[in-house]
């Protein structure tokens, strides 16, 4: 079997990618239910409910467990990767988003008080604030990813 066929027949990869895509589309749908407007920018954004990063690594881990065995080294590696991704999403990236929110607020305040900062060149673009997840968003991604991994 040639490499391209091998990649195209890699069910574990496709199940994992499906979990990620499904999570991204669910963000748009959930946002529509809450906000009553479609926001297709969520399709390519990080942050929000459910966590697509968590969904993809959980689907990956479950698919590997089903395929290679729950005691396999690959399953252990995938679970470890999933834990790191979930910790990062709810910890480091969420903190970075909170920092961005505060910096954006300070920059806007500085724009409104220009005489206090003569000669200071204030940036035009805001920092991206929605880059991490709440623990609930990570949990939602984990449930989605595990369900996709178990079903497919």
N, C-alpha and C. Protein backbone atom coordinates (compact mmCIF):
# COMPACT_ATOMS: atom_id res chain seq x y z
N UNK A 1 0.86 -1.19 0.00
CA UNK A 1 0.00 0.00 0.00
C UNK A 1 0.90 1.24 0.00
N UNK A 2 0.61 2.18 -0.88
CA UNK A 2 1.45 3.37 -0.95
C UNK A 2 1.13 4.33 0.19
N UNK A 3 2.03 5.28 0.49
CA UNK A 3 1.85 6.17 1.64
C UNK A 3 0.55 6.98 1.60
N UNK A 4 0.14 7.42 0.42
CA UNK A 4 -1.08 8.22 0.32
C UNK A 4 -2.29 7.37 0.69
N UNK A 5 -2.34 6.15 0.19
CA UNK A 5 -3.44 5.24 0.55
C UNK A 5 -3.45 4.94 2.03
N UNK A 6 -2.26 4.77 2.59
CA UNK A 6 -2.17 4.50 4.03
C UNK A 6 -2.74 5.66 4.84
N UNK A 7 -2.42 6.88 4.43
CA UNK A 7 -2.94 8.06 5.14
C UNK A 7 -4.45 8.15 4.97
N UNK A 8 -4.92 7.95 3.75
CA UNK A 8 -6.36 8.06 3.49
C UNK A 8 -7.16 6.97 4.20
N UNK A 9 -6.54 5.85 4.51
CA UNK A 9 -7.20 4.75 5.21
C UNK A 9 -6.96 4.75 6.72
N UNK A 10 -6.37 5.81 7.24
CA UNK A 10 -6.07 5.89 8.67
C UNK A 10 -7.33 6.34 9.42
N UNK A 11 -8.12 5.38 9.85
CA UNK A 11 -9.39 5.68 10.52
C UNK A 11 -9.22 6.47 11.80
N UNK A 12 -8.16 6.19 12.54
CA UNK A 12 -7.92 6.91 13.80
C UNK A 12 -7.74 8.40 13.52
N UNK A 13 -6.98 8.72 12.48
CA UNK A 13 -6.78 10.13 12.11
C UNK A 13 -8.10 10.77 11.70
N UNK A 14 -8.90 10.08 10.88
CA UNK A 14 -10.15 10.67 10.39
C UNK A 14 -11.17 10.84 11.51
N UNK A 15 -11.23 9.89 12.43
CA UNK A 15 -12.15 10.03 13.56
C UNK A 15 -11.75 11.22 14.42
N UNK A 16 -10.46 11.38 14.65
CA UNK A 16 -9.97 12.51 15.45
C UNK A 16 -10.27 13.84 14.76
N UNK A 17 -10.01 13.93 13.47
CA UNK A 17 -10.31 15.15 12.73
C UNK A 17 -11.81 15.44 12.70
N UNK A 18 -12.62 14.38 12.61
CA UNK A 18 -14.07 14.57 12.64
C UNK A 18 -14.51 15.17 13.98
N UNK A 19 -13.92 14.73 15.08
CA UNK A 19 -14.25 15.28 16.40
C UNK A 19 -13.90 16.77 16.45
N UNK A 20 -12.76 17.14 15.88
CA UNK A 20 -12.36 18.55 15.86
C UNK A 20 -13.34 19.38 15.03
N UNK A 21 -13.67 18.89 13.83
CA UNK A 21 -14.59 19.62 12.94
C UNK A 21 -15.97 19.73 13.59
N UNK A 22 -16.44 18.65 14.19
CA UNK A 22 -17.74 18.67 14.85
C UNK A 22 -17.76 19.69 15.99
N UNK A 23 -16.69 19.75 16.77
CA UNK A 23 -16.61 20.73 17.87
C UNK A 23 -16.66 22.15 17.32
N UNK A 24 -15.95 22.42 16.24
CA UNK A 24 -15.95 23.76 15.66
C UNK A 24 -17.34 24.14 15.16
N UNK A 25 -18.05 23.21 14.51
CA UNK A 25 -19.40 23.51 14.05
C UNK A 25 -20.38 23.67 15.21
N UNK A 26 -20.18 22.88 16.27
CA UNK A 26 -21.04 23.02 17.45
C UNK A 26 -20.88 24.40 18.09
N UNK A 27 -19.67 24.96 18.05
CA UNK A 27 -19.45 26.31 18.59
C UNK A 27 -20.36 27.32 17.88
N UNK A 28 -20.46 27.20 16.55
CA UNK A 28 -21.30 28.11 15.77
C UNK A 28 -22.77 27.91 16.14
N UNK A 29 -23.19 26.65 16.22
CA UNK A 29 -24.58 26.34 16.53
C UNK A 29 -24.95 26.80 17.94
N UNK A 30 -24.11 26.52 18.91
CA UNK A 30 -24.38 26.92 20.31
C UNK A 30 -24.39 28.44 20.42
N UNK A 31 -23.47 29.10 19.75
CA UNK A 31 -23.45 30.56 19.76
C UNK A 31 -24.73 31.12 19.15
N UNK A 32 -25.24 30.49 18.08
CA UNK A 32 -26.49 30.95 17.47
C UNK A 32 -27.66 30.81 18.44
N UNK A 33 -27.71 29.70 19.17
CA UNK A 33 -28.80 29.49 20.13
C UNK A 33 -28.75 30.55 21.24
N UNK A 34 -27.56 30.90 21.67
CA UNK A 34 -27.41 31.87 22.77
C UNK A 34 -27.53 33.31 22.29
N UNK A 35 -26.84 33.65 21.20
CA UNK A 35 -26.74 35.04 20.74
C UNK A 35 -27.76 35.40 19.66
N UNK A 36 -28.43 34.41 19.08
CA UNK A 36 -29.41 34.62 18.01
C UNK A 36 -28.80 35.22 16.74
N UNK A 37 -27.53 34.94 16.50
CA UNK A 37 -26.88 35.36 15.26
C UNK A 37 -25.78 34.37 14.93
N UNK A 38 -25.57 34.20 13.63
CA UNK A 38 -24.54 33.28 13.16
C UNK A 38 -23.18 33.98 13.18
N UNK A 39 -22.18 33.30 13.74
CA UNK A 39 -20.81 33.82 13.78
C UNK A 39 -19.88 32.75 13.22
N UNK A 40 -19.67 32.81 11.90
CA UNK A 40 -18.86 31.79 11.24
C UNK A 40 -17.37 31.96 11.49
N UNK A 41 -16.98 33.07 12.12
CA UNK A 41 -15.58 33.24 12.52
C UNK A 41 -15.20 32.22 13.59
N UNK A 42 -16.18 31.70 14.31
CA UNK A 42 -15.91 30.69 15.34
C UNK A 42 -15.38 29.40 14.73
N UNK A 43 -15.62 29.20 13.44
CA UNK A 43 -15.16 27.99 12.76
C UNK A 43 -13.64 27.87 12.79
N UNK A 44 -12.96 29.01 12.79
CA UNK A 44 -11.49 28.98 12.77
C UNK A 44 -10.89 29.57 14.04
N UNK A 45 -11.70 29.74 15.07
CA UNK A 45 -11.17 30.35 16.29
C UNK A 45 -10.90 29.29 17.35
N UNK A 46 -10.03 29.65 18.27
CA UNK A 46 -9.81 28.80 19.44
C UNK A 46 -10.64 29.37 20.58
N UNK A 47 -10.84 28.62 21.61
CA UNK A 47 -11.69 29.06 22.71
C UNK A 47 -13.14 28.73 22.43
N UNK A 48 -13.96 28.82 23.44
CA UNK A 48 -15.38 28.55 23.29
C UNK A 48 -15.76 27.13 23.64
N UNK A 49 -17.07 26.87 23.58
CA UNK A 49 -17.63 25.57 23.96
C UNK A 49 -18.13 24.85 22.73
N UNK A 50 -17.75 23.59 22.58
CA UNK A 50 -16.80 22.78 23.35
C UNK A 50 -15.38 23.00 22.82
N UNK A 51 -14.41 22.63 23.62
CA UNK A 51 -13.02 22.76 23.22
C UNK A 51 -12.70 21.77 22.10
N UNK A 52 -12.37 22.30 20.93
CA UNK A 52 -12.03 21.41 19.81
C UNK A 52 -10.67 20.76 20.00
N UNK A 53 -9.75 21.45 20.68
CA UNK A 53 -8.44 20.86 20.97
C UNK A 53 -8.62 19.62 21.86
N UNK A 54 -9.47 19.75 22.87
CA UNK A 54 -9.73 18.62 23.76
C UNK A 54 -10.45 17.51 23.01
N UNK A 55 -11.43 17.89 22.17
CA UNK A 55 -12.18 16.88 21.42
C UNK A 55 -11.27 16.04 20.54
N UNK A 56 -10.33 16.68 19.85
CA UNK A 56 -9.48 15.92 18.92
C UNK A 56 -8.53 14.97 19.67
N UNK A 57 -7.96 15.42 20.79
CA UNK A 57 -7.02 14.53 21.50
C UNK A 57 -7.75 13.42 22.25
N UNK A 58 -8.97 13.70 22.72
CA UNK A 58 -9.74 12.64 23.39
C UNK A 58 -10.22 11.60 22.39
N UNK A 59 -10.68 12.05 21.21
CA UNK A 59 -11.07 11.10 20.17
C UNK A 59 -9.86 10.27 19.75
N UNK A 60 -8.71 10.91 19.65
CA UNK A 60 -7.48 10.20 19.30
C UNK A 60 -7.16 9.12 20.34
N UNK A 61 -7.20 9.49 21.61
CA UNK A 61 -6.86 8.53 22.67
C UNK A 61 -7.84 7.36 22.69
N UNK A 62 -9.13 7.65 22.62
CA UNK A 62 -10.13 6.59 22.65
C UNK A 62 -9.99 5.68 21.43
N UNK A 63 -9.78 6.27 20.26
CA UNK A 63 -9.61 5.47 19.03
C UNK A 63 -8.38 4.56 19.12
N UNK A 64 -7.31 5.09 19.67
CA UNK A 64 -6.10 4.27 19.83
C UNK A 64 -6.36 3.15 20.83
N UNK A 65 -7.04 3.48 21.93
CA UNK A 65 -7.36 2.44 22.92
C UNK A 65 -8.20 1.33 22.31
N UNK A 66 -9.21 1.69 21.54
CA UNK A 66 -10.06 0.69 20.88
C UNK A 66 -9.27 -0.14 19.87
N UNK A 67 -8.38 0.53 19.12
CA UNK A 67 -7.66 -0.13 18.04
C UNK A 67 -6.46 -0.95 18.53
N UNK A 68 -5.66 -0.37 19.41
CA UNK A 68 -4.39 -1.00 19.82
C UNK A 68 -4.44 -1.61 21.21
N UNK A 69 -5.53 -1.42 21.92
CA UNK A 69 -5.66 -1.98 23.26
C UNK A 69 -5.48 -0.91 24.33
N UNK A 70 -6.26 -1.05 25.38
CA UNK A 70 -6.26 -0.07 26.46
C UNK A 70 -4.97 -0.13 27.28
N UNK A 71 -4.22 -1.21 27.15
CA UNK A 71 -2.96 -1.35 27.87
C UNK A 71 -1.75 -1.00 27.01
N UNK A 72 -1.99 -0.57 25.76
CA UNK A 72 -0.87 -0.32 24.84
C UNK A 72 -0.12 0.96 25.21
N UNK A 73 1.13 0.98 24.77
CA UNK A 73 1.96 2.17 24.97
C UNK A 73 1.41 3.36 24.20
N UNK A 74 0.89 3.13 23.01
CA UNK A 74 0.31 4.22 22.22
C UNK A 74 -0.88 4.86 22.94
N UNK A 75 -1.72 4.06 23.57
CA UNK A 75 -2.84 4.62 24.32
C UNK A 75 -2.33 5.47 25.48
N UNK A 76 -1.30 4.99 26.18
CA UNK A 76 -0.73 5.76 27.29
C UNK A 76 -0.17 7.09 26.80
N UNK A 77 0.50 7.07 25.66
CA UNK A 77 1.05 8.31 25.08
C UNK A 77 -0.09 9.27 24.72
N UNK A 78 -1.15 8.74 24.09
CA UNK A 78 -2.27 9.58 23.67
C UNK A 78 -2.99 10.19 24.87
N UNK A 79 -3.17 9.42 25.93
CA UNK A 79 -3.81 9.95 27.14
C UNK A 79 -2.95 11.04 27.76
N UNK A 80 -1.64 10.82 27.80
CA UNK A 80 -0.73 11.83 28.34
C UNK A 80 -0.80 13.11 27.52
N UNK A 81 -0.80 12.98 26.20
CA UNK A 81 -0.94 14.14 25.32
C UNK A 81 -2.27 14.86 25.58
N UNK A 82 -3.34 14.09 25.74
CA UNK A 82 -4.66 14.70 26.00
C UNK A 82 -4.66 15.48 27.30
N UNK A 83 -4.06 14.94 28.33
CA UNK A 83 -4.00 15.64 29.62
C UNK A 83 -3.22 16.95 29.49
N UNK A 84 -2.11 16.91 28.77
CA UNK A 84 -1.31 18.12 28.57
C UNK A 84 -2.11 19.17 27.80
N UNK A 85 -2.79 18.77 26.73
CA UNK A 85 -3.58 19.70 25.93
C UNK A 85 -4.70 20.31 26.77
N UNK A 86 -5.39 19.48 27.56
CA UNK A 86 -6.50 19.99 28.38
C UNK A 86 -5.99 20.93 29.47
N UNK A 87 -4.87 20.59 30.09
CA UNK A 87 -4.29 21.47 31.10
C UNK A 87 -3.89 22.80 30.49
N UNK A 88 -3.28 22.74 29.31
CA UNK A 88 -2.85 23.96 28.63
C UNK A 88 -4.05 24.81 28.24
N UNK A 89 -5.11 24.20 27.73
CA UNK A 89 -6.29 24.94 27.28
C UNK A 89 -6.97 25.67 28.45
N UNK A 90 -7.10 24.99 29.58
CA UNK A 90 -7.79 25.59 30.72
C UNK A 90 -6.87 26.38 31.62
N UNK A 91 -5.58 26.24 31.43
CA UNK A 91 -4.62 26.93 32.29
C UNK A 91 -3.87 28.03 31.58
N UNK A 92 -2.84 27.63 30.85
CA UNK A 92 -1.92 28.60 30.25
C UNK A 92 -2.63 29.47 29.21
N UNK A 93 -3.35 28.85 28.25
CA UNK A 93 -3.99 29.65 27.20
C UNK A 93 -5.12 30.50 27.77
N UNK A 94 -5.82 30.01 28.77
CA UNK A 94 -6.88 30.83 29.39
C UNK A 94 -6.27 32.03 30.10
N UNK A 95 -5.15 31.82 30.80
CA UNK A 95 -4.47 32.93 31.46
C UNK A 95 -3.97 33.95 30.43
N UNK A 96 -3.45 33.47 29.30
CA UNK A 96 -2.99 34.38 28.25
C UNK A 96 -4.16 35.20 27.71
N UNK A 97 -5.33 34.58 27.56
CA UNK A 97 -6.52 35.31 27.13
C UNK A 97 -6.95 36.36 28.13
N UNK A 98 -6.86 36.03 29.42
CA UNK A 98 -7.18 37.01 30.46
C UNK A 98 -6.20 38.18 30.44
N UNK A 99 -4.93 37.88 30.23
CA UNK A 99 -3.92 38.94 30.13
C UNK A 99 -4.22 39.84 28.93
N UNK A 100 -4.58 39.23 27.80
CA UNK A 100 -4.90 40.01 26.60
C UNK A 100 -6.09 40.93 26.86
N UNK A 101 -7.08 40.44 27.57
CA UNK A 101 -8.26 41.25 27.89
C UNK A 101 -7.87 42.48 28.70
N UNK A 102 -7.01 42.29 29.69
CA UNK A 102 -6.56 43.39 30.54
C UNK A 102 -5.71 44.37 29.73
N UNK A 103 -4.81 43.86 28.91
CA UNK A 103 -3.96 44.74 28.09
C UNK A 103 -4.83 45.54 27.12
N UNK A 104 -5.80 44.89 26.49
CA UNK A 104 -6.70 45.61 25.58
C UNK A 104 -7.46 46.71 26.31
N UNK A 105 -7.89 46.44 27.53
CA UNK A 105 -8.59 47.45 28.33
C UNK A 105 -7.66 48.63 28.62
N UNK A 106 -6.43 48.33 29.02
CA UNK A 106 -5.47 49.40 29.33
C UNK A 106 -5.14 50.24 28.10
N UNK A 107 -4.97 49.59 26.95
CA UNK A 107 -4.68 50.31 25.71
C UNK A 107 -5.86 51.21 25.35
N UNK A 108 -7.08 50.72 25.49
CA UNK A 108 -8.25 51.55 25.20
C UNK A 108 -8.33 52.73 26.16
N UNK A 109 -8.01 52.50 27.42
CA UNK A 109 -8.00 53.59 28.41
C UNK A 109 -6.95 54.64 28.01
N UNK A 110 -5.79 54.16 27.54
CA UNK A 110 -4.73 55.09 27.13
C UNK A 110 -5.17 55.90 25.91
N UNK A 111 -5.93 55.30 25.02
CA UNK A 111 -6.45 56.05 23.85
C UNK A 111 -7.39 57.16 24.29
N UNK A 112 -8.17 56.89 25.33
CA UNK A 112 -9.14 57.87 25.81
C UNK A 112 -8.49 58.98 26.63
N UNK A 113 -7.26 58.77 27.05
CA UNK A 113 -6.52 59.76 27.85
C UNK A 113 -5.17 60.05 27.18
N UNK A 114 -5.19 60.56 25.94
CA UNK A 114 -3.94 60.71 25.18
C UNK A 114 -2.96 61.71 25.77
N UNK A 115 -3.46 62.70 26.52
CA UNK A 115 -2.53 63.69 27.06
C UNK A 115 -1.64 63.10 28.14
N UNK A 116 -2.08 62.01 28.72
CA UNK A 116 -1.27 61.36 29.76
C UNK A 116 -0.10 60.57 29.18
N UNK A 117 -0.15 60.30 27.87
CA UNK A 117 0.86 59.45 27.25
C UNK A 117 1.40 60.10 25.97
N UNK A 118 1.83 61.33 26.08
CA UNK A 118 2.36 62.05 24.92
C UNK A 118 3.56 61.32 24.34
N UNK A 119 3.53 61.15 23.05
CA UNK A 119 4.64 60.51 22.38
C UNK A 119 4.61 58.99 22.40
N UNK A 120 3.66 58.41 23.08
CA UNK A 120 3.57 56.96 23.13
C UNK A 120 2.71 56.48 21.97
N UNK A 121 3.25 55.59 21.15
CA UNK A 121 2.53 55.07 20.00
C UNK A 121 1.69 53.87 20.44
N UNK A 122 0.39 54.04 20.46
CA UNK A 122 -0.52 52.98 20.92
C UNK A 122 -0.87 52.10 19.74
N UNK A 123 -0.82 50.79 19.95
CA UNK A 123 -1.11 49.83 18.88
C UNK A 123 -2.53 49.98 18.36
N UNK A 124 -2.72 49.61 17.11
CA UNK A 124 -4.04 49.69 16.49
C UNK A 124 -4.84 48.41 16.69
N UNK A 125 -4.17 47.27 16.64
CA UNK A 125 -4.86 45.99 16.73
C UNK A 125 -4.98 45.54 18.18
N UNK A 126 -6.14 44.93 18.48
CA UNK A 126 -6.34 44.36 19.80
C UNK A 126 -5.73 42.96 19.85
N UNK A 127 -5.33 42.55 21.04
CA UNK A 127 -4.87 41.19 21.24
C UNK A 127 -6.08 40.25 21.23
N UNK A 128 -5.88 39.05 20.74
CA UNK A 128 -6.94 38.05 20.74
C UNK A 128 -7.19 37.58 22.16
N UNK A 129 -8.43 37.67 22.61
CA UNK A 129 -8.77 37.34 24.00
C UNK A 129 -9.31 35.92 24.16
N UNK A 130 -9.98 35.41 23.15
CA UNK A 130 -10.61 34.09 23.26
C UNK A 130 -9.65 33.03 22.74
N UNK A 131 -8.69 32.65 23.57
CA UNK A 131 -7.71 31.64 23.14
C UNK A 131 -7.68 30.44 24.07
N UNK A 132 -8.25 30.55 25.23
CA UNK A 132 -8.26 29.44 26.18
C UNK A 132 -9.67 28.99 26.47
N UNK A 133 -9.81 28.14 27.46
CA UNK A 133 -11.10 27.56 27.79
C UNK A 133 -11.34 27.55 29.29
N UNK A 134 -12.60 27.61 29.66
CA UNK A 134 -12.98 27.36 31.04
C UNK A 134 -12.93 25.84 31.24
N UNK A 135 -12.85 25.39 32.48
CA UNK A 135 -12.89 23.94 32.71
C UNK A 135 -14.15 23.29 32.12
N UNK A 136 -15.28 23.99 32.15
CA UNK A 136 -16.52 23.46 31.58
C UNK A 136 -16.39 23.25 30.07
N UNK A 137 -15.75 24.18 29.37
CA UNK A 137 -15.55 24.05 27.93
C UNK A 137 -14.62 22.88 27.61
N UNK A 138 -13.60 22.69 28.43
CA UNK A 138 -12.69 21.55 28.26
C UNK A 138 -13.43 20.25 28.52
N UNK A 139 -14.26 20.22 29.57
CA UNK A 139 -15.05 19.03 29.89
C UNK A 139 -15.97 18.69 28.72
N UNK A 140 -16.61 19.71 28.14
CA UNK A 140 -17.49 19.48 26.99
C UNK A 140 -16.74 18.89 25.82
N UNK A 141 -15.54 19.39 25.56
CA UNK A 141 -14.72 18.85 24.49
C UNK A 141 -14.30 17.41 24.77
N UNK A 142 -14.01 17.10 26.03
CA UNK A 142 -13.63 15.74 26.40
C UNK A 142 -14.79 14.77 26.19
N UNK A 143 -15.98 15.17 26.60
CA UNK A 143 -17.16 14.31 26.41
C UNK A 143 -17.41 14.09 24.92
N UNK A 144 -17.35 15.17 24.13
CA UNK A 144 -17.57 15.06 22.69
C UNK A 144 -16.53 14.16 22.05
N UNK A 145 -15.25 14.40 22.34
CA UNK A 145 -14.18 13.60 21.75
C UNK A 145 -14.26 12.12 22.13
N UNK A 146 -14.53 11.86 23.39
CA UNK A 146 -14.66 10.46 23.83
C UNK A 146 -15.85 9.79 23.15
N UNK A 147 -16.97 10.52 23.03
CA UNK A 147 -18.15 9.95 22.37
C UNK A 147 -17.86 9.65 20.90
N UNK A 148 -17.23 10.58 20.21
CA UNK A 148 -16.89 10.36 18.80
C UNK A 148 -15.94 9.17 18.67
N UNK A 149 -14.93 9.11 19.55
CA UNK A 149 -13.99 7.99 19.50
C UNK A 149 -14.64 6.65 19.77
N UNK A 150 -15.62 6.63 20.66
CA UNK A 150 -16.31 5.38 20.97
C UNK A 150 -17.29 4.96 19.87
N UNK A 151 -17.95 5.94 19.27
CA UNK A 151 -18.99 5.63 18.28
C UNK A 151 -18.40 5.23 16.94
N UNK A 152 -17.35 5.91 16.51
CA UNK A 152 -16.82 5.67 15.16
C UNK A 152 -15.56 4.83 15.17
